[in-house]
Protein backbone atom coordinates (compact mmCIF):
# COMPACT_ATOMS: atom_id res chain seq x y z
CA MET A 1 0.12 0.02 -0.26
CA PRO A 2 1.83 3.20 -0.94
CA ALA A 3 1.77 6.13 1.76
CA ILE A 4 1.74 9.49 0.91
CA SER A 5 3.32 12.00 3.32
CA LEU A 6 2.26 15.33 4.32
CA GLY A 7 5.17 16.94 6.08
CA GLY A 8 5.12 14.50 9.03
CA ALA A 9 4.01 11.05 9.66
CA PRO A 10 3.06 8.95 6.04
CA ILE A 11 -0.77 8.53 5.72
CA ALA A 12 -2.30 5.41 4.28
CA LYS A 13 -3.73 5.69 0.75
CA PRO A 14 -6.63 3.48 0.53
CA GLU A 15 -6.03 0.82 -2.03
CA THR A 16 -9.38 1.16 -4.01
CA ASN A 17 -11.61 4.22 -4.96
CA ILE A 18 -14.70 4.17 -3.68
CA ASN A 19 -17.84 6.81 -4.31
CA ARG A 20 -16.46 10.51 -5.12
CA ALA A 21 -13.04 9.14 -4.86
CA ILE A 22 -13.63 7.61 -8.71
CA ARG A 23 -12.19 10.00 -11.30
CA ALA A 24 -13.63 8.59 -14.41
CA ARG A 25 -16.12 10.42 -16.54
CA GLU A 26 -17.99 7.16 -17.26
CA VAL A 27 -17.68 3.69 -15.59
CA ARG A 28 -18.91 0.34 -16.53
CA VAL A 29 -21.45 -0.66 -13.53
CA VAL A 30 -21.87 -4.13 -11.86
CA ASP A 31 -24.87 -3.81 -9.56
CA ASP A 32 -24.58 -6.14 -6.21
CA GLU A 33 -26.32 -9.18 -7.87
CA GLY A 34 -23.63 -9.53 -10.30
CA ASN A 35 -25.83 -8.17 -13.10
CA GLN A 36 -24.11 -5.55 -15.59
CA LEU A 37 -26.00 -2.19 -15.43
CA GLY A 38 -23.80 -0.99 -18.29
CA ILE A 39 -21.94 2.16 -19.10
CA LEU A 40 -23.11 4.75 -16.90
CA THR A 41 -21.85 8.53 -16.11
CA ILE A 42 -20.34 8.65 -12.82
CA ALA A 43 -23.46 10.59 -11.50
CA GLU A 44 -25.50 8.08 -12.55
CA ALA A 45 -23.58 5.13 -11.06
CA LEU A 46 -23.33 7.02 -7.82
CA ALA A 47 -27.16 7.80 -7.64
CA ALA A 48 -27.46 3.84 -8.43
CA ALA A 49 -25.31 2.98 -5.28
CA GLU A 50 -27.16 5.81 -3.37
CA GLY A 51 -30.98 4.63 -4.12
CA ARG A 52 -29.52 1.10 -3.01
CA GLY A 53 -28.03 2.53 -0.11
CA LEU A 54 -24.75 0.68 -0.76
CA ASP A 55 -21.38 2.09 -2.19
CA LEU A 56 -19.96 2.29 -5.52
CA VAL A 57 -16.10 0.61 -5.58
CA GLU A 58 -14.08 0.76 -8.10
CA VAL A 59 -12.67 -2.77 -8.92
CA SER A 60 -10.93 -2.45 -12.17
CA PRO A 61 -9.35 0.90 -12.39
CA ASN A 62 -7.27 0.13 -15.56
CA ALA A 63 -9.81 -1.04 -17.29
CA ALA A 64 -11.53 1.18 -20.36
CA PRO A 65 -13.86 2.15 -18.85
CA PRO A 66 -13.16 1.27 -15.37
CA VAL A 67 -15.27 -1.29 -13.58
CA CYS A 68 -17.20 -0.24 -10.87
CA ARG A 69 -19.44 -2.73 -8.74
CA ILE A 70 -21.92 -1.64 -6.10
CA MET A 71 -21.30 -3.14 -2.71
CA ASP A 72 -21.31 -2.73 0.93
CA TYR A 73 -17.62 -1.65 1.53
CA GLY A 74 -17.47 -2.04 5.08
CA LYS A 75 -18.65 -5.75 4.66
CA TYR A 76 -16.63 -5.97 1.75
CA LYS A 77 -13.23 -4.70 3.69
CA TYR A 78 -14.25 -6.85 6.58
CA GLN A 79 -14.46 -10.15 4.28
CA THR A 80 -11.33 -9.46 2.52
CA SER A 81 -9.36 -8.85 5.86
CA LYS A 82 -10.73 -12.36 7.30
CA ARG A 83 -9.56 -13.88 4.32
CA ALA A 84 -5.96 -12.80 4.60
CA ALA A 85 -6.04 -13.62 8.72
CA GLU A 86 -7.15 -17.22 7.55
CA ALA A 87 -4.53 -17.29 4.72
CA LYS A 88 -1.91 -16.29 6.97
CA LYS A 89 -2.98 -18.48 9.97
CA LYS A 90 -2.42 -21.78 7.25
CA THR A 91 1.15 -21.05 6.27
CA ALA A 92 3.83 -23.00 7.97
CA ARG A 93 6.02 -21.48 10.14
CA VAL A 94 9.22 -23.70 10.93
CA GLU A 95 11.25 -22.27 13.37
CA ILE A 96 15.01 -23.69 13.78
CA LYS A 97 15.45 -25.21 17.33
CA GLU A 98 19.10 -25.96 18.83
CA VAL A 99 20.32 -28.55 20.69
CA LYS A 100 24.01 -27.94 22.15
CA MET A 101 26.30 -30.46 23.23
CA ARG A 102 29.97 -30.86 23.94
CA PRO A 103 32.49 -33.90 22.12
CA LYS A 104 33.00 -35.33 25.87
CA THR A 105 28.78 -35.18 26.61
CA GLU A 106 27.57 -38.38 28.89
CA GLU A 107 25.37 -40.76 27.63
CA HIS A 108 22.18 -39.85 29.46
CA ASP A 109 22.87 -36.19 28.77
CA PHE A 110 23.28 -37.06 25.12
CA GLN A 111 19.88 -39.34 25.32
CA VAL A 112 18.51 -36.28 27.08
CA LYS A 113 19.58 -33.72 23.99
CA VAL A 114 18.21 -36.25 21.56
CA ARG A 115 14.77 -36.83 23.12
CA ASN A 116 14.83 -33.03 22.87
CA ALA A 117 15.67 -32.69 19.10
CA ARG A 118 12.92 -35.68 18.80
CA ARG A 119 10.43 -33.71 20.21
CA PHE A 120 11.42 -30.72 18.37
CA LEU A 121 11.00 -32.84 14.75
CA GLU A 122 7.54 -34.08 15.74
CA GLU A 123 6.39 -30.26 16.06
CA GLY A 124 7.61 -29.94 12.99
CA ASP A 125 10.48 -27.55 13.69
CA LYS A 126 14.03 -28.14 12.41
CA VAL A 127 16.68 -28.91 14.48
CA LYS A 128 20.09 -27.19 14.54
CA VAL A 129 22.69 -29.53 16.13
CA THR A 130 25.84 -28.02 17.73
CA ILE A 131 28.81 -29.25 19.04
CA MET A 132 31.02 -26.50 21.02
CA PHE A 133 34.99 -27.31 21.40
CA ARG A 134 36.48 -26.19 24.02
CA GLY A 135 40.65 -25.26 24.44
CA ARG A 136 42.33 -28.13 22.77
CA GLU A 137 38.88 -30.25 21.96
CA VAL A 138 38.92 -28.32 18.80
CA THR A 139 42.31 -30.25 17.68
CA HIS A 140 40.09 -33.55 17.36
CA PRO A 141 37.03 -32.99 15.13
CA GLU A 142 36.74 -36.45 14.45
CA PHE A 143 35.06 -36.98 18.06
CA GLY A 144 32.27 -34.17 17.25
CA ARG A 145 31.95 -35.79 13.80
CA ARG A 146 31.23 -39.59 15.66
CA LEU A 147 28.70 -37.40 17.89
CA MET A 148 27.03 -36.07 14.55
CA GLU A 149 26.84 -39.51 13.39
CA LYS A 150 25.58 -40.79 16.24
CA VAL A 151 22.78 -37.94 16.96
CA THR A 152 21.77 -38.86 12.81
CA GLU A 153 21.24 -42.25 13.76
CA GLU A 154 19.20 -41.89 16.42
CA LEU A 155 17.29 -39.16 14.58
CA LYS A 156 16.76 -40.87 10.97
CA ASP A 157 13.01 -42.21 11.73
CA LEU A 158 11.81 -38.67 12.17
CA GLY A 159 14.23 -36.29 10.32
CA GLN A 160 16.86 -36.09 7.31
CA VAL A 161 19.92 -34.12 7.66
CA GLU A 162 19.73 -30.95 5.77
CA SER A 163 22.90 -29.46 5.96
CA HIS A 164 25.97 -31.80 7.08
CA PRO A 165 28.08 -31.28 9.76
CA ALA A 166 30.49 -28.49 8.99
CA MET A 167 33.02 -26.65 11.55
CA PHE A 168 32.69 -23.14 12.24
CA GLY A 169 35.37 -21.77 14.60
CA ARG A 170 34.78 -23.85 17.49
CA PHE A 171 31.45 -24.81 16.47
CA MET A 172 30.28 -27.78 14.79
CA THR A 173 26.47 -27.87 13.56
CA MET A 174 24.22 -29.72 11.36
CA VAL A 175 20.77 -28.87 10.70
CA VAL A 176 18.12 -32.26 10.69
CA ALA A 177 14.82 -31.38 9.26
CA PRO A 178 11.26 -33.15 10.08
CA LEU A 179 10.47 -35.57 7.31
CA LYS A 180 7.99 -35.05 5.09
CA LYS A 181 4.42 -36.54 6.03
């Protein structure tokens, strides 16, 4: 939606012209039941809309002549916003949850981390597995790779590796995505 500035805060311009904001001389008019009324002057079209107690809304401004529809604009805007909200609700939001470990993580702690990763995958989220190396541990990345392979084996029934293990400084990371249902 384009914005207009009047020396201060921007003011939103309505996306459709209604009633007296329509600037064409002649318009093709469709009534509230979907019947074509033909090409009318703007005054005749406004009179037809006011006679029904409704608004004249420009639905196709680029047509020649522009197409206008007689409708309740408030109800139209409400239904449009409801449809947009419904569409937004249906879009999948995939989050990336992180599980952090160290190369010397004990078996019980490892199982707790894997259980959390399984839960995240079941909820439909991606899991970023991070192994943090401290001190001289960074000279033995093979310990981290073995741990990553073990995590991959534990999660293979729920997820697949999206990005394979890679070293970034003192961190080794891998992303596991949930399997498609």
